[in-house]
């Protein structure tokens, strides 16, 4: 809820899974939040990072690594060429 000055007054703001958009409840003890660093070239880290939250159901299914690769590709935080083999 926001007040008249547009300041958020909620005591608890639930997180959402970055891949499935499920709400991460307080009882979801297997959910994780991962900061992934942004890389400018192929070698230098510039100090910025993106935070990805993954729900426990996604991790239970064994799809967390696939979801993380898709999220990283969408946000361009790491060059996708680091993940796939170069075609020569």
PDB file of N, CA and C in Angstrom:
ATOM      1  N   UNK A   1       0.839  -1.168   0.000  1.00  0.00           N
ATOM      2  CA  UNK A   1       0.000   0.000   0.000  1.00  0.00           C
ATOM      3  C   UNK A   1       0.893   1.242   0.000  1.00  0.00           C
ATOM      4  N   UNK A   2       0.518   2.234  -0.762  1.00  0.00           N
ATOM      5  CA  UNK A   2       1.272   3.486  -0.825  1.00  0.00           C
ATOM      6  C   UNK A   2       0.490   4.593  -0.140  1.00  0.00           C
ATOM      7  N   UNK A   3       1.219   5.498   0.487  1.00  0.00           N
ATOM      8  CA  UNK A   3       0.553   6.644   1.092  1.00  0.00           C
ATOM      9  C   UNK A   3       0.433   7.766   0.062  1.00  0.00           C
ATOM     10  N   UNK A   4      -0.011   8.935   0.476  1.00  0.00           N
ATOM     11  CA  UNK A   4      -0.232  10.039  -0.462  1.00  0.00           C
ATOM     12  C   UNK A   4       1.070  10.567  -1.061  1.00  0.00           C
ATOM     13  N   UNK A   5       2.215  10.292  -0.416  1.00  0.00           N
ATOM     14  CA  UNK A   5       3.512  10.739  -0.927  1.00  0.00           C
ATOM     15  C   UNK A   5       4.199   9.673  -1.773  1.00  0.00           C
ATOM     16  N   UNK A   6       3.459   8.627  -2.158  1.00  0.00           N
ATOM     17  CA  UNK A   6       3.952   7.523  -2.993  1.00  0.00           C
ATOM     18  C   UNK A   6       5.080   6.741  -2.336  1.00  0.00           C
ATOM     19  N   UNK A   7       5.055   6.617  -1.006  1.00  0.00           N
ATOM     20  CA  UNK A   7       6.041   5.835  -0.268  1.00  0.00           C
ATOM     21  C   UNK A   7       5.397   4.507   0.109  1.00  0.00           C
ATOM     22  N   UNK A   8       6.096   3.421  -0.135  1.00  0.00           N
ATOM     23  CA  UNK A   8       5.575   2.097   0.135  1.00  0.00           C
ATOM     24  C   UNK A   8       5.553   1.852   1.642  1.00  0.00           C
ATOM     25  N   UNK A   9       4.390   1.456   2.164  1.00  0.00           N
ATOM     26  CA  UNK A   9       4.233   1.255   3.601  1.00  0.00           C
ATOM     27  C   UNK A   9       4.018  -0.200   3.981  1.00  0.00           C
ATOM     28  N   UNK A  10       4.162  -1.125   3.060  1.00  0.00           N
ATOM     29  CA  UNK A  10       3.951  -2.534   3.383  1.00  0.00           C
ATOM     30  C   UNK A  10       5.065  -3.044   4.275  1.00  0.00           C
ATOM     31  N   UNK A  11       4.698  -3.901   5.214  1.00  0.00           N
ATOM     32  CA  UNK A  11       5.690  -4.495   6.086  1.00  0.00           C
ATOM     33  C   UNK A  11       6.388  -5.663   5.412  1.00  0.00           C
ATOM     34  N   UNK A  12       5.671  -6.391   4.562  1.00  0.00           N
ATOM     35  CA  UNK A  12       6.235  -7.561   3.909  1.00  0.00           C
ATOM     36  C   UNK A  12       5.892  -7.518   2.430  1.00  0.00           C
ATOM     37  N   UNK A  13       6.902  -7.512   1.598  1.00  0.00           N
ATOM     38  CA  UNK A  13       6.705  -7.556   0.159  1.00  0.00           C
ATOM     39  C   UNK A  13       7.246  -8.896  -0.328  1.00  0.00           C
ATOM     40  N   UNK A  14       6.383  -9.793  -0.790  1.00  0.00           N
ATOM     41  CA  UNK A  14       6.866 -11.112  -1.206  1.00  0.00           C
ATOM     42  C   UNK A  14       7.683 -11.027  -2.493  1.00  0.00           C
ATOM     43  N   UNK A  15       8.670 -11.909  -2.576  1.00  0.00           N
ATOM     44  CA  UNK A  15       9.470 -11.996  -3.795  1.00  0.00           C
ATOM     45  C   UNK A  15       8.752 -12.888  -4.791  1.00  0.00           C
ATOM     46  N   UNK A  16       9.146 -12.773  -6.058  1.00  0.00           N
ATOM     47  CA  UNK A  16       8.595 -13.624  -7.101  1.00  0.00           C
ATOM     48  C   UNK A  16       9.723 -14.366  -7.779  1.00  0.00           C
ATOM     49  N   UNK A  17       9.420 -15.560  -8.255  1.00  0.00           N
ATOM     50  CA  UNK A  17      10.392 -16.322  -9.025  1.00  0.00           C
ATOM     51  C   UNK A  17      10.640 -15.577 -10.337  1.00  0.00           C
ATOM     52  N   UNK A  18      11.892 -15.419 -10.703  1.00  0.00           N
ATOM     53  CA  UNK A  18      12.226 -14.674 -11.909  1.00  0.00           C
ATOM     54  C   UNK A  18      11.827 -15.408 -13.174  1.00  0.00           C
ATOM     55  N   UNK A  19      11.682 -16.724 -13.106  1.00  0.00           N
ATOM     56  CA  UNK A  19      11.376 -17.516 -14.288  1.00  0.00           C
ATOM     57  C   UNK A  19       9.888 -17.825 -14.418  1.00  0.00           C
ATOM     58  N   UNK A  20       9.244 -18.237 -13.331  1.00  0.00           N
ATOM     59  CA  UNK A  20       7.838 -18.652 -13.393  1.00  0.00           C
ATOM     60  C   UNK A  20       6.872 -17.600 -12.877  1.00  0.00           C
ATOM     61  N   UNK A  21       7.361 -16.538 -12.264  1.00  0.00           N
ATOM     62  CA  UNK A  21       6.548 -15.478 -11.658  1.00  0.00           C
ATOM     63  C   UNK A  21       5.665 -15.980 -10.515  1.00  0.00           C
ATOM     64  N   UNK A  22       6.028 -17.099  -9.910  1.00  0.00           N
ATOM     65  CA  UNK A  22       5.333 -17.566  -8.716  1.00  0.00           C
ATOM     66  C   UNK A  22       5.767 -16.742  -7.516  1.00  0.00           C
ATOM     67  N   UNK A  23       4.859 -16.519  -6.604  1.00  0.00           N
ATOM     68  CA  UNK A  23       5.208 -15.810  -5.378  1.00  0.00           C
ATOM     69  C   UNK A  23       5.986 -16.760  -4.475  1.00  0.00           C
ATOM     70  N   UNK A  24       7.110 -16.295  -3.959  1.00  0.00           N
ATOM     71  CA  UNK A  24       7.923 -17.089  -3.039  1.00  0.00           C
ATOM     72  C   UNK A  24       7.415 -16.829  -1.627  1.00  0.00           C
ATOM     73  N   UNK A  25       6.697 -17.798  -1.102  1.00  0.00           N
ATOM     74  CA  UNK A  25       6.113 -17.631   0.220  1.00  0.00           C
ATOM     75  C   UNK A  25       7.174 -17.801   1.303  1.00  0.00           C
ATOM     76  N   UNK A  26       6.809 -17.469   2.503  1.00  0.00           N
ATOM     77  CA  UNK A  26       7.754 -17.606   3.608  1.00  0.00           C
ATOM     78  C   UNK A  26       8.012 -19.069   3.954  1.00  0.00           C
ATOM     79  N   UNK A  27       7.153 -19.976   3.532  1.00  0.00           N
ATOM     80  CA  UNK A  27       7.324 -21.406   3.803  1.00  0.00           C
ATOM     81  C   UNK A  27       8.117 -22.125   2.712  1.00  0.00           C
ATOM     82  N   UNK A  28       8.469 -21.435   1.645  1.00  0.00           N
ATOM     83  CA  UNK A  28       9.251 -22.045   0.559  1.00  0.00           C
ATOM     84  C   UNK A  28      10.731 -21.972   0.938  1.00  0.00           C
ATOM     85  N   UNK A  29      11.180 -22.961   1.706  1.00  0.00           N
ATOM     86  CA  UNK A  29      12.540 -22.941   2.236  1.00  0.00           C
ATOM     87  C   UNK A  29      13.590 -23.380   1.224  1.00  0.00           C
ATOM     88  N   UNK A  30      13.166 -23.887   0.075  1.00  0.00           N
ATOM     89  CA  UNK A  30      14.141 -24.309  -0.929  1.00  0.00           C
ATOM     90  C   UNK A  30      14.333 -23.276  -2.033  1.00  0.00           C
ATOM     91  N   UNK A  31      13.699 -22.130  -1.931  1.00  0.00           N
ATOM     92  CA  UNK A  31      13.911 -21.075  -2.926  1.00  0.00           C
ATOM     93  C   UNK A  31      15.254 -20.384  -2.668  1.00  0.00           C
ATOM     94  N   UNK A  32      15.851 -19.892  -3.738  1.00  0.00           N
ATOM     95  CA  UNK A  32      17.152 -19.230  -3.621  1.00  0.00           C
ATOM     96  C   UNK A  32      17.109 -17.891  -4.353  1.00  0.00           C
ATOM     97  N   UNK A  33      18.002 -17.017  -3.961  1.00  0.00           N
ATOM     98  CA  UNK A  33      18.172 -15.725  -4.603  1.00  0.00           C
ATOM     99  C   UNK A  33      19.648 -15.606  -4.957  1.00  0.00           C
ATOM    100  N   UNK A  34      19.947 -15.467  -6.256  1.00  0.00           N
ATOM    101  CA  UNK A  34      21.327 -15.493  -6.733  1.00  0.00           C
ATOM    102  C   UNK A  34      21.717 -14.170  -7.373  1.00  0.00           C
ATOM    103  N   UNK A  35      22.773 -13.523  -6.892  1.00  0.00           N
ATOM    104  CA  UNK A  35      23.289 -12.356  -7.613  1.00  0.00           C
ATOM    105  C   UNK A  35      24.283 -12.824  -8.682  1.00  0.00           C
ATOM    106  N   UNK A  36      24.049 -12.417  -9.919  1.00  0.00           N
ATOM    107  CA  UNK A  36      24.914 -12.786 -11.038  1.00  0.00           C
ATOM    108  C   UNK A  36      25.593 -11.519 -11.535  1.00  0.00           C
ATOM    109  N   UNK A  37      26.916 -11.524 -11.554  1.00  0.00           N
ATOM    110  CA  UNK A  37      27.684 -10.352 -11.938  1.00  0.00           C
ATOM    111  C   UNK A  37      27.613 -10.054 -13.421  1.00  0.00           C
ATOM    112  N   UNK A  38      27.686  -8.773 -13.758  1.00  0.00           N
ATOM    113  CA  UNK A  38      27.689  -8.334 -15.148  1.00  0.00           C
ATOM    114  C   UNK A  38      29.123  -8.255 -15.635  1.00  0.00           C
ATOM    115  N   UNK A  39      29.360  -8.840 -16.802  1.00  0.00           N
ATOM    116  CA  UNK A  39      30.700  -8.855 -17.381  1.00  0.00           C
ATOM    117  C   UNK A  39      30.693  -7.995 -18.640  1.00  0.00           C
ATOM    118  N   UNK A  40      31.632  -7.041 -18.725  1.00  0.00           N
ATOM    119  CA  UNK A  40      31.670  -6.147 -19.880  1.00  0.00           C
ATOM    120  C   UNK A  40      32.245  -6.845 -21.109  1.00  0.00           C
ATOM    121  N   UNK A  41      33.465  -7.276 -21.015  1.00  0.00           N
ATOM    122  CA  UNK A  41      34.076  -8.015 -22.117  1.00  0.00           C
ATOM    123  C   UNK A  41      34.066  -9.481 -21.740  1.00  0.00           C
ATOM    124  N   UNK A  42      34.986 -10.246 -22.227  1.00  0.00           N
ATOM    125  CA  UNK A  42      35.039 -11.649 -21.830  1.00  0.00           C
ATOM    126  C   UNK A  42      35.844 -11.834 -20.551  1.00  0.00           C
ATOM    127  N   UNK A  43      36.461 -10.775 -20.029  1.00  0.00           N
ATOM    128  CA  UNK A  43      37.335 -10.960 -18.874  1.00  0.00           C
ATOM    129  C   UNK A  43      37.084 -10.021 -17.706  1.00  0.00           C
ATOM    130  N   UNK A  44      36.376  -8.913 -17.886  1.00  0.00           N
ATOM    131  CA  UNK A  44      36.329  -7.916 -16.815  1.00  0.00           C
ATOM    132  C   UNK A  44      34.935  -7.796 -16.189  1.00  0.00           C
ATOM    133  N   UNK A  45      34.906  -7.832 -14.870  1.00  0.00           N
ATOM    134  CA  UNK A  45      33.684  -7.653 -14.083  1.00  0.00           C
ATOM    135  C   UNK A  45      33.602  -6.189 -13.695  1.00  0.00           C
ATOM    136  N   UNK A  46      32.461  -5.542 -13.959  1.00  0.00           N
ATOM    137  CA  UNK A  46      32.361  -4.099 -13.730  1.00  0.00           C
ATOM    138  C   UNK A  46      31.738  -3.725 -12.388  1.00  0.00           C
ATOM    139  N   UNK A  47      31.416  -4.692 -11.531  1.00  0.00           N
ATOM    140  CA  UNK A  47      30.893  -4.380 -10.201  1.00  0.00           C
ATOM    141  C   UNK A  47      29.381  -4.381 -10.110  1.00  0.00           C
ATOM    142  N   UNK A  48      28.673  -4.434 -11.222  1.00  0.00           N
ATOM    143  CA  UNK A  48      27.211  -4.483 -11.204  1.00  0.00           C
ATOM    144  C   UNK A  48      26.740  -5.929 -11.204  1.00  0.00           C
ATOM    145  N   UNK A  49      25.515  -6.146 -10.739  1.00  0.00           N
ATOM    146  CA  UNK A  49      24.973  -7.494 -10.739  1.00  0.00           C
ATOM    147  C   UNK A  49      23.461  -7.471 -10.880  1.00  0.00           C
ATOM    148  N   UNK A  50      22.923  -8.569 -11.366  1.00  0.00           N
ATOM    149  CA  UNK A  50      21.486  -8.800 -11.468  1.00  0.00           C
ATOM    150  C   UNK A  50      21.114  -9.837 -10.416  1.00  0.00           C
ATOM    151  N   UNK A  51      19.971  -9.684  -9.786  1.00  0.00           N
ATOM    152  CA  UNK A  51      19.525 -10.647  -8.786  1.00  0.00           C
ATOM    153  C   UNK A  51      18.396 -11.481  -9.382  1.00  0.00           C
ATOM    154  N   UNK A  52      18.566 -12.802  -9.352  1.00  0.00           N
ATOM    155  CA  UNK A  52      17.557 -13.736  -9.838  1.00  0.00           C
ATOM    156  C   UNK A  52      17.061 -14.567  -8.668  1.00  0.00           C
ATOM    157  N   UNK A  53      15.750 -14.721  -8.569  1.00  0.00           N
ATOM    158  CA  UNK A  53      15.138 -15.562  -7.544  1.00  0.00           C
ATOM    159  C   UNK A  53      14.536 -16.780  -8.229  1.00  0.00           C
ATOM    160  N   UNK A  54      14.802 -17.960  -7.676  1.00  0.00           N
ATOM    161  CA  UNK A  54      14.273 -19.197  -8.233  1.00  0.00           C
ATOM    162  C   UNK A  54      13.458 -19.908  -7.161  1.00  0.00           C
ATOM    163  N   UNK A  55      12.254 -20.360  -7.529  1.00  0.00           N
ATOM    164  CA  UNK A  55      11.372 -21.018  -6.560  1.00  0.00           C
ATOM    165  C   UNK A  55      11.819 -22.451  -6.301  1.00  0.00           C
ATOM    166  N   UNK A  56      11.383 -22.984  -5.197  1.00  0.00           N
ATOM    167  CA  UNK A  56      11.763 -24.328  -4.810  1.00  0.00           C
ATOM    168  C   UNK A  56      11.200 -25.393  -5.730  1.00  0.00           C
ATOM    169  N   UNK A  57      10.010 -25.160  -6.290  1.00  0.00           N
ATOM    170  CA  UNK A  57       9.410 -26.121  -7.209  1.00  0.00           C
ATOM    171  C   UNK A  57      10.258 -26.279  -8.469  1.00  0.00           C
ATOM    172  N   UNK A  58      10.809 -25.205  -8.962  1.00  0.00           N
ATOM    173  CA  UNK A  58      11.678 -25.235 -10.135  1.00  0.00           C
ATOM    174  C   UNK A  58      12.960 -26.008  -9.834  1.00  0.00           C
ATOM    175  N   UNK A  59      13.490 -25.820  -8.639  1.00  0.00           N
ATOM    176  CA  UNK A  59      14.690 -26.542  -8.242  1.00  0.00           C
ATOM    177  C   UNK A  59      14.386 -28.023  -8.015  1.00  0.00           C
ATOM    178  N   UNK A  60      13.217 -28.340  -7.499  1.00  0.00           N
ATOM    179  CA  UNK A  60      12.827 -29.721  -7.252  1.00  0.00           C
ATOM    180  C   UNK A  60      12.687 -30.505  -8.556  1.00  0.00           C
ATOM    181  N   UNK A  61      12.247 -29.823  -9.609  1.00  0.00           N
ATOM    182  CA  UNK A  61      12.095 -30.459 -10.914  1.00  0.00           C
ATOM    183  C   UNK A  61      13.428 -30.614 -11.645  1.00  0.00           C
ATOM    184  N   UNK A  62      14.473 -29.987 -11.149  1.00  0.00           N
ATOM    185  CA  UNK A  62      15.776 -30.064 -11.797  1.00  0.00           C
ATOM    186  C   UNK A  62      15.910 -29.135 -12.988  1.00  0.00           C
ATOM    187  N   UNK A  63      15.141 -28.063 -13.013  1.00  0.00           N
ATOM    188  CA  UNK A  63      15.152 -27.135 -14.143  1.00  0.00           C
ATOM    189  C   UNK A  63      15.768 -25.781 -13.784  1.00  0.00           C
ATOM    190  N   UNK A  64      16.389 -25.677 -12.632  1.00  0.00           N
ATOM    191  CA  UNK A  64      16.921 -24.393 -12.186  1.00  0.00           C
ATOM    192  C   UNK A  64      18.080 -23.930 -13.059  1.00  0.00           C
ATOM    193  N   UNK A  65      18.957 -24.860 -13.484  1.00  0.00           N
ATOM    194  CA  UNK A  65      20.085 -24.455 -14.312  1.00  0.00           C
ATOM    195  C   UNK A  65      19.628 -23.996 -15.689  1.00  0.00           C
ATOM    196  N   UNK A  66      18.622 -24.660 -16.243  1.00  0.00           N
ATOM    197  CA  UNK A  66      18.071 -24.248 -17.536  1.00  0.00           C
ATOM    198  C   UNK A  66      17.415 -22.869 -17.420  1.00  0.00           C
ATOM    199  N   UNK A  67      16.659 -22.664 -16.351  1.00  0.00           N
ATOM    200  CA  UNK A  67      15.981 -21.383 -16.133  1.00  0.00           C
ATOM    201  C   UNK A  67      16.991 -20.258 -15.953  1.00  0.00           C
ATOM    202  N   UNK A  68      18.061 -20.522 -15.225  1.00  0.00           N
ATOM    203  CA  UNK A  68      19.079 -19.503 -15.003  1.00  0.00           C
ATOM    204  C   UNK A  68      19.780 -19.134 -16.309  1.00  0.00           C
ATOM    205  N   UNK A  69      20.066 -20.120 -17.151  1.00  0.00           N
ATOM    206  CA  UNK A  69      20.680 -19.832 -18.455  1.00  0.00           C
ATOM    207  C   UNK A  69      19.767 -18.986 -19.329  1.00  0.00           C
ATOM    208  N   UNK A  70      18.477 -19.266 -19.314  1.00  0.00           N
ATOM    209  CA  UNK A  70      17.521 -18.492 -20.110  1.00  0.00           C
ATOM    210  C   UNK A  70      17.415 -17.068 -19.583  1.00  0.00           C
ATOM    211  N   UNK A  71      17.374 -16.906 -18.256  1.00  0.00           N
ATOM    212  CA  UNK A  71      17.285 -15.563 -17.677  1.00  0.00           C
ATOM    213  C   UNK A  71      18.529 -14.731 -17.969  1.00  0.00           C
ATOM    214  N   UNK A  72      19.689 -15.361 -17.891  1.00  0.00           N
ATOM    215  CA  UNK A  72      20.935 -14.641 -18.177  1.00  0.00           C
ATOM    216  C   UNK A  72      20.985 -14.228 -19.639  1.00  0.00           C
ATOM    217  N   UNK A  73      20.512 -15.101 -20.517  1.00  0.00           N
ATOM    218  CA  UNK A  73      20.503 -14.774 -21.944  1.00  0.00           C
ATOM    219  C   UNK A  73      19.569 -13.597 -22.234  1.00  0.00           C
ATOM    220  N   UNK A  74      18.405 -13.554 -21.551  1.00  0.00           N
ATOM    221  CA  UNK A  74      17.442 -12.478 -21.771  1.00  0.00           C
ATOM    222  C   UNK A  74      17.954 -11.131 -21.273  1.00  0.00           C
ATOM    223  N   UNK A  75      18.665 -11.109 -20.158  1.00  0.00           N
ATOM    224  CA  UNK A  75      19.103  -9.839 -19.581  1.00  0.00           C
ATOM    225  C   UNK A  75      20.450  -9.371 -20.110  1.00  0.00           C
ATOM    226  N   UNK A  76      21.158 -10.217 -20.852  1.00  0.00           N
ATOM    227  CA  UNK A  76      22.476  -9.884 -21.407  1.00  0.00           C
ATOM    228  C   UNK A  76      23.467  -9.478 -20.331  1.00  0.00           C
ATOM    229  N   UNK A  77      23.351 -10.061 -19.114  1.00  0.00           N
ATOM    230  CA  UNK A  77      24.316  -9.722 -18.080  1.00  0.00           C
ATOM    231  C   UNK A  77      25.655 -10.385 -18.344  1.00  0.00           C
ATOM    232  N   UNK A  78      25.632 -11.532 -18.963  1.00  0.00           N
ATOM    233  CA  UNK A  78      26.864 -12.197 -19.371  1.00  0.00           C
ATOM    234  C   UNK A  78      26.720 -12.509 -20.849  1.00  0.00           C
ATOM    235  N   UNK A  79      27.758 -12.310 -21.596  1.00  0.00           N
ATOM    236  CA  UNK A  79      27.705 -12.600 -23.018  1.00  0.00           C
ATOM    237  C   UNK A  79      27.361 -14.072 -23.218  1.00  0.00           C
ATOM    238  N   UNK A  80      26.391 -14.318 -24.065  1.00  0.00           N
ATOM    239  CA  UNK A  80      25.920 -15.690 -24.256  1.00  0.00           C
ATOM    240  C   UNK A  80      26.988 -16.569 -24.896  1.00  0.00           C
ATOM    241  N   UNK A  81      27.982 -15.964 -25.519  1.00  0.00           N
ATOM    242  CA  UNK A  81      29.052 -16.743 -26.139  1.00  0.00           C
ATOM    243  C   UNK A  81      29.874 -17.501 -25.107  1.00  0.00           C
ATOM    244  N   UNK A  82      29.836 -17.072 -23.848  1.00  0.00           N
ATOM    245  CA  UNK A  82      30.548 -17.800 -22.812  1.00  0.00           C
ATOM    246  C   UNK A  82      29.895 -19.142 -22.530  1.00  0.00           C
ATOM    247  N   UNK A  83      28.586 -19.271 -22.844  1.00  0.00           N
ATOM    248  CA  UNK A  83      27.875 -20.496 -22.530  1.00  0.00           C
ATOM    249  C   UNK A  83      27.830 -21.491 -23.686  1.00  0.00           C
ATOM    250  N   UNK A  84      27.858 -21.009 -24.903  1.00  0.00           N
ATOM    251  CA  UNK A  84      27.793 -21.960 -26.012  1.00  0.00           C
ATOM    252  C   UNK A  84      29.145 -21.996 -26.737  1.00  0.00           C
ATOM    253  N   UNK A  85      29.406 -23.097 -27.377  1.00  0.00           N
ATOM    254  CA  UNK A  85      30.694 -23.273 -28.049  1.00  0.00           C
ATOM    255  C   UNK A  85      30.747 -22.384 -29.290  1.00  0.00           C
ATOM    256  N   UNK A  86      31.917 -21.837 -29.516  1.00  0.00           N
ATOM    257  CA  UNK A  86      32.104 -21.007 -30.703  1.00  0.00           C
ATOM    258  C   UNK A  86      32.113 -21.890 -31.943  1.00  0.00           C
ATOM    259  N   UNK A  87      31.384 -21.464 -32.946  1.00  0.00           N
ATOM    260  CA  UNK A  87      31.356 -22.193 -34.214  1.00  0.00           C
ATOM    261  C   UNK A  87      32.483 -21.672 -35.095  1.00  0.00           C
ATOM    262  N   UNK A  88      33.320 -22.569 -35.501  1.00  0.00           N
ATOM    263  CA  UNK A  88      34.453 -22.149 -36.342  1.00  0.00           C
ATOM    264  C   UNK A  88      34.485 -22.941 -37.600  1.00  0.00           C
TER     265      UNK A  88
END
